[in-house]
Amino acid sequence: MDAPRFRDPQIRIEDLADEPILVLCPRCAGRASVTASRLTCPACGLVREDPRPDFHAWNRPIDPFFREPLWLRADCRGNTLWAFHERHLDLIERFVAAKLRATLS
């Protein structure tokens, strides 16, 4: 069975920051999460606030608020494939799996 058609939902990368971004904890290397105002790690209890947003970081494998490496990242043919969270990863997976891709008008 062929993969379904992918219809581009026209989501900007900034729109994906409406839920916690998964990052590598700078203290224990466990899975932490970042919102626009806070970094928290349930494994070691780290909490950081008052991020310095970096608007140049939106298209790199780091979170744009605290600039920590993303949890969901992998080497892919000499580049890094990355996602902010599971919803972002699902969007990428549906795009890659589709035989046909279309944009919404």
N, C-alpha and C. Protein backbone atom coordinates (compact mmCIF):
# COMPACT_ATOMS: atom_id res chain seq x y z
N MET A 1 0.84 -1.18 0.00
CA MET A 1 0.00 0.00 0.00
C MET A 1 0.89 1.24 0.00
N ASP A 2 0.58 2.19 -0.87
CA ASP A 2 1.34 3.41 -0.96
C ASP A 2 1.08 4.31 0.24
N ALA A 3 2.11 5.08 0.59
CA ALA A 3 1.95 6.05 1.67
C ALA A 3 0.95 7.12 1.22
N PRO A 4 0.22 7.70 2.16
CA PRO A 4 -0.77 8.71 1.80
C PRO A 4 -0.11 9.99 1.29
N ARG A 5 -0.92 10.81 0.71
CA ARG A 5 -0.48 12.12 0.25
C ARG A 5 -0.23 13.01 1.46
N PHE A 6 0.82 13.78 1.40
CA PHE A 6 1.12 14.73 2.46
C PHE A 6 0.60 16.09 2.03
N ARG A 7 -0.26 16.66 2.84
CA ARG A 7 -0.74 18.02 2.60
C ARG A 7 -0.06 18.93 3.60
N ASP A 8 0.71 19.86 3.10
CA ASP A 8 1.47 20.77 3.95
C ASP A 8 0.52 21.61 4.79
N PRO A 9 0.60 21.50 6.12
CA PRO A 9 -0.29 22.28 6.97
C PRO A 9 0.15 23.74 7.12
N GLN A 10 1.26 24.10 6.46
CA GLN A 10 1.77 25.48 6.46
C GLN A 10 2.06 25.96 7.88
N ILE A 11 2.64 25.09 8.67
CA ILE A 11 3.04 25.43 10.03
C ILE A 11 4.45 26.02 9.98
N ARG A 12 4.62 27.18 10.58
CA ARG A 12 5.95 27.77 10.68
C ARG A 12 6.67 27.11 11.86
N ILE A 13 7.98 27.10 11.79
CA ILE A 13 8.76 26.47 12.86
C ILE A 13 8.46 27.11 14.21
N GLU A 14 8.21 28.40 14.23
CA GLU A 14 7.89 29.10 15.48
C GLU A 14 6.58 28.59 16.09
N ASP A 15 5.67 28.15 15.24
CA ASP A 15 4.39 27.63 15.73
C ASP A 15 4.55 26.33 16.52
N LEU A 16 5.64 25.62 16.28
CA LEU A 16 5.88 24.36 16.98
C LEU A 16 6.36 24.55 18.41
N ALA A 17 6.66 25.79 18.78
CA ALA A 17 7.11 26.07 20.15
C ALA A 17 5.95 26.29 21.11
N ASP A 18 4.73 25.96 20.68
CA ASP A 18 3.57 26.12 21.55
C ASP A 18 3.43 24.98 22.56
N GLU A 19 4.31 23.98 22.46
CA GLU A 19 4.35 22.91 23.45
C GLU A 19 5.82 22.69 23.82
N PRO A 20 6.09 22.04 24.95
CA PRO A 20 7.47 21.91 25.41
C PRO A 20 8.39 21.26 24.37
N ILE A 21 9.57 21.85 24.23
CA ILE A 21 10.61 21.36 23.34
C ILE A 21 11.51 20.43 24.16
N LEU A 22 11.78 19.25 23.63
CA LEU A 22 12.60 18.27 24.34
C LEU A 22 14.08 18.53 24.07
N VAL A 23 14.86 18.65 25.15
CA VAL A 23 16.29 18.95 25.03
C VAL A 23 17.12 18.03 25.91
N LEU A 24 18.41 18.04 25.67
CA LEU A 24 19.37 17.34 26.50
C LEU A 24 19.66 18.20 27.72
N CYS A 25 19.47 17.68 28.90
CA CYS A 25 19.71 18.44 30.12
C CYS A 25 21.18 18.82 30.22
N PRO A 26 21.49 20.11 30.44
CA PRO A 26 22.89 20.52 30.54
C PRO A 26 23.58 20.02 31.81
N ARG A 27 22.81 19.54 32.77
CA ARG A 27 23.42 19.05 34.02
C ARG A 27 23.63 17.53 33.99
N CYS A 28 22.59 16.76 33.63
CA CYS A 28 22.69 15.30 33.75
C CYS A 28 22.61 14.55 32.42
N ALA A 29 22.39 15.27 31.31
CA ALA A 29 22.26 14.68 29.98
C ALA A 29 20.99 13.84 29.82
N GLY A 30 20.05 13.98 30.76
CA GLY A 30 18.75 13.32 30.63
C GLY A 30 17.83 14.16 29.74
N ARG A 31 16.59 13.71 29.63
CA ARG A 31 15.62 14.44 28.81
C ARG A 31 14.98 15.55 29.64
N ALA A 32 15.17 16.77 29.19
CA ALA A 32 14.58 17.94 29.84
C ALA A 32 13.60 18.57 28.86
N SER A 33 12.84 19.55 29.33
CA SER A 33 11.92 20.24 28.43
C SER A 33 12.06 21.74 28.60
N VAL A 34 11.79 22.44 27.50
CA VAL A 34 11.91 23.89 27.45
C VAL A 34 10.60 24.48 26.96
N THR A 35 10.15 25.51 27.68
CA THR A 35 9.07 26.35 27.19
C THR A 35 9.69 27.72 26.96
N ALA A 36 8.89 28.68 26.54
CA ALA A 36 9.42 30.01 26.26
C ALA A 36 10.02 30.68 27.49
N SER A 37 9.72 30.18 28.67
CA SER A 37 10.22 30.84 29.87
C SER A 37 10.98 29.95 30.85
N ARG A 38 11.03 28.63 30.60
CA ARG A 38 11.63 27.75 31.62
C ARG A 38 12.21 26.48 31.02
N LEU A 39 13.35 26.06 31.55
CA LEU A 39 13.95 24.76 31.25
C LEU A 39 13.82 23.93 32.51
N THR A 40 13.28 22.71 32.39
CA THR A 40 13.14 21.83 33.55
C THR A 40 13.59 20.42 33.21
N CYS A 41 14.23 19.77 34.18
CA CYS A 41 14.64 18.38 34.01
C CYS A 41 14.07 17.56 35.15
N PRO A 42 13.19 16.61 34.86
CA PRO A 42 12.62 15.79 35.93
C PRO A 42 13.62 14.82 36.54
N ALA A 43 14.69 14.49 35.82
CA ALA A 43 15.67 13.53 36.33
C ALA A 43 16.55 14.11 37.44
N CYS A 44 17.06 15.33 37.23
CA CYS A 44 17.98 15.89 38.22
C CYS A 44 17.42 17.11 38.95
N GLY A 45 16.24 17.56 38.55
CA GLY A 45 15.61 18.69 39.22
C GLY A 45 16.07 20.06 38.76
N LEU A 46 16.87 20.13 37.71
CA LEU A 46 17.35 21.42 37.22
C LEU A 46 16.18 22.28 36.75
N VAL A 47 16.18 23.53 37.14
CA VAL A 47 15.21 24.51 36.65
C VAL A 47 15.99 25.77 36.31
N ARG A 48 15.79 26.26 35.10
CA ARG A 48 16.38 27.54 34.69
C ARG A 48 15.26 28.40 34.14
N GLU A 49 15.36 29.67 34.44
CA GLU A 49 14.37 30.63 33.93
C GLU A 49 15.10 31.79 33.28
N ASP A 50 14.33 32.70 32.71
CA ASP A 50 14.87 33.89 32.08
C ASP A 50 15.76 33.56 30.89
N PRO A 51 15.19 32.91 29.88
CA PRO A 51 15.99 32.56 28.71
C PRO A 51 16.38 33.80 27.91
N ARG A 52 17.38 33.59 27.09
CA ARG A 52 17.81 34.62 26.14
C ARG A 52 17.42 34.14 24.75
N PRO A 53 16.23 34.50 24.27
CA PRO A 53 15.79 33.98 22.96
C PRO A 53 16.79 34.33 21.87
N ASP A 54 17.04 33.35 21.02
CA ASP A 54 17.96 33.52 19.90
C ASP A 54 17.18 33.25 18.62
N PHE A 55 16.80 34.29 17.95
CA PHE A 55 15.95 34.13 16.77
C PHE A 55 16.70 33.52 15.59
N HIS A 56 18.02 33.41 15.69
CA HIS A 56 18.80 32.74 14.65
C HIS A 56 18.87 31.23 14.89
N ALA A 57 18.37 30.77 16.02
CA ALA A 57 18.46 29.36 16.39
C ALA A 57 17.27 28.53 15.92
N TRP A 58 16.28 29.13 15.31
CA TRP A 58 15.06 28.39 14.95
C TRP A 58 15.32 27.26 13.97
N ASN A 59 16.32 27.36 13.15
CA ASN A 59 16.55 26.33 12.14
C ASN A 59 17.84 25.56 12.40
N ARG A 60 18.11 25.31 13.68
CA ARG A 60 19.29 24.54 14.07
C ARG A 60 18.86 23.51 15.11
N PRO A 61 19.68 22.47 15.34
CA PRO A 61 19.28 21.41 16.29
C PRO A 61 19.49 21.80 17.76
N ILE A 62 19.08 23.02 18.11
CA ILE A 62 19.10 23.51 19.48
C ILE A 62 17.78 24.20 19.76
N ASP A 63 17.42 24.30 21.04
CA ASP A 63 16.19 25.03 21.33
C ASP A 63 16.47 26.53 21.20
N PRO A 64 15.51 27.30 20.73
CA PRO A 64 15.74 28.72 20.47
C PRO A 64 15.69 29.61 21.72
N PHE A 65 15.44 29.05 22.87
CA PHE A 65 15.32 29.86 24.08
C PHE A 65 16.58 29.75 24.96
N PHE A 66 16.98 28.52 25.31
CA PHE A 66 18.15 28.33 26.15
C PHE A 66 19.36 27.83 25.36
N ARG A 67 19.14 27.52 24.09
CA ARG A 67 20.18 27.06 23.17
C ARG A 67 20.82 25.74 23.61
N GLU A 68 20.00 24.84 24.14
CA GLU A 68 20.47 23.51 24.52
C GLU A 68 20.24 22.55 23.35
N PRO A 69 21.09 21.52 23.21
CA PRO A 69 20.90 20.54 22.12
C PRO A 69 19.54 19.84 22.25
N LEU A 70 18.92 19.61 21.11
CA LEU A 70 17.62 18.92 21.10
C LEU A 70 17.80 17.45 21.45
N TRP A 71 16.80 16.90 22.12
CA TRP A 71 16.77 15.48 22.50
C TRP A 71 16.54 14.60 21.27
N LEU A 72 15.65 15.03 20.40
CA LEU A 72 15.29 14.25 19.21
C LEU A 72 16.16 14.72 18.03
N ARG A 73 17.30 14.06 17.88
CA ARG A 73 18.20 14.38 16.78
C ARG A 73 18.97 13.12 16.40
N ALA A 74 19.36 13.05 15.13
CA ALA A 74 20.10 11.89 14.64
C ALA A 74 20.93 12.31 13.44
N ASP A 75 22.07 11.66 13.28
CA ASP A 75 22.86 11.89 12.08
C ASP A 75 22.12 11.30 10.89
N CYS A 76 22.14 12.02 9.79
CA CYS A 76 21.43 11.57 8.59
C CYS A 76 22.21 12.02 7.36
N ARG A 77 22.98 11.11 6.82
CA ARG A 77 23.74 11.38 5.61
C ARG A 77 24.62 12.63 5.73
N GLY A 78 25.32 12.75 6.83
CA GLY A 78 26.23 13.85 7.04
C GLY A 78 25.60 15.13 7.58
N ASN A 79 24.32 15.09 7.83
CA ASN A 79 23.60 16.22 8.41
C ASN A 79 22.90 15.75 9.68
N THR A 80 22.27 16.68 10.37
CA THR A 80 21.52 16.32 11.57
C THR A 80 20.03 16.46 11.29
N LEU A 81 19.30 15.37 11.49
CA LEU A 81 17.84 15.39 11.43
C LEU A 81 17.36 15.64 12.84
N TRP A 82 16.47 16.61 13.03
CA TRP A 82 16.05 16.98 14.38
C TRP A 82 14.58 17.35 14.41
N ALA A 83 14.02 17.26 15.63
CA ALA A 83 12.63 17.65 15.86
C ALA A 83 12.52 18.20 17.27
N PHE A 84 11.61 19.15 17.46
CA PHE A 84 11.39 19.75 18.77
C PHE A 84 10.71 18.81 19.76
N HIS A 85 9.75 18.01 19.25
CA HIS A 85 8.95 17.13 20.11
C HIS A 85 8.26 16.11 19.23
N GLU A 86 7.44 15.26 19.82
CA GLU A 86 6.80 14.17 19.07
C GLU A 86 5.89 14.67 17.95
N ARG A 87 5.17 15.75 18.16
CA ARG A 87 4.29 16.28 17.11
C ARG A 87 5.12 16.74 15.90
N HIS A 88 6.26 17.36 16.14
CA HIS A 88 7.15 17.78 15.07
C HIS A 88 7.72 16.56 14.35
N LEU A 89 8.13 15.55 15.12
CA LEU A 89 8.65 14.31 14.55
C LEU A 89 7.60 13.63 13.68
N ASP A 90 6.36 13.61 14.14
CA ASP A 90 5.27 13.03 13.36
C ASP A 90 5.07 13.77 12.03
N LEU A 91 5.17 15.07 12.06
CA LEU A 91 5.04 15.88 10.84
C LEU A 91 6.15 15.52 9.84
N ILE A 92 7.37 15.41 10.33
CA ILE A 92 8.49 15.03 9.46
C ILE A 92 8.29 13.63 8.91
N GLU A 93 7.87 12.71 9.76
CA GLU A 93 7.65 11.32 9.33
C GLU A 93 6.58 11.23 8.25
N ARG A 94 5.49 11.95 8.41
CA ARG A 94 4.42 11.93 7.39
C ARG A 94 4.92 12.53 6.08
N PHE A 95 5.74 13.56 6.14
CA PHE A 95 6.29 14.18 4.93
C PHE A 95 7.20 13.20 4.19
N VAL A 96 8.10 12.56 4.93
CA VAL A 96 9.05 11.64 4.31
C VAL A 96 8.36 10.40 3.76
N ALA A 97 7.35 9.89 4.44
CA ALA A 97 6.67 8.66 4.02
C ALA A 97 5.76 8.86 2.81
N ALA A 98 5.33 10.07 2.57
CA ALA A 98 4.35 10.32 1.49
C ALA A 98 4.98 10.18 0.12
N LYS A 99 4.23 9.61 -0.78
CA LYS A 99 4.64 9.52 -2.19
C LYS A 99 4.32 10.83 -2.91
N LEU A 100 3.25 11.47 -2.49
CA LEU A 100 2.84 12.74 -3.09
C LEU A 100 2.82 13.81 -2.02
N ARG A 101 3.28 14.99 -2.37
CA ARG A 101 3.30 16.10 -1.43
C ARG A 101 2.62 17.28 -2.09
N ALA A 102 1.75 17.94 -1.34
CA ALA A 102 1.03 19.09 -1.87
C ALA A 102 0.97 20.19 -0.81
N THR A 103 0.97 21.42 -1.26
CA THR A 103 0.81 22.54 -0.33
C THR A 103 -0.63 23.01 -0.37
N LEU A 104 -1.10 23.50 0.76
CA LEU A 104 -2.44 24.05 0.81
C LEU A 104 -2.40 25.48 0.30
N SER A 105 -3.43 25.89 -0.36
CA SER A 105 -3.46 27.26 -0.88
C SER A 105 -4.41 28.10 -0.07
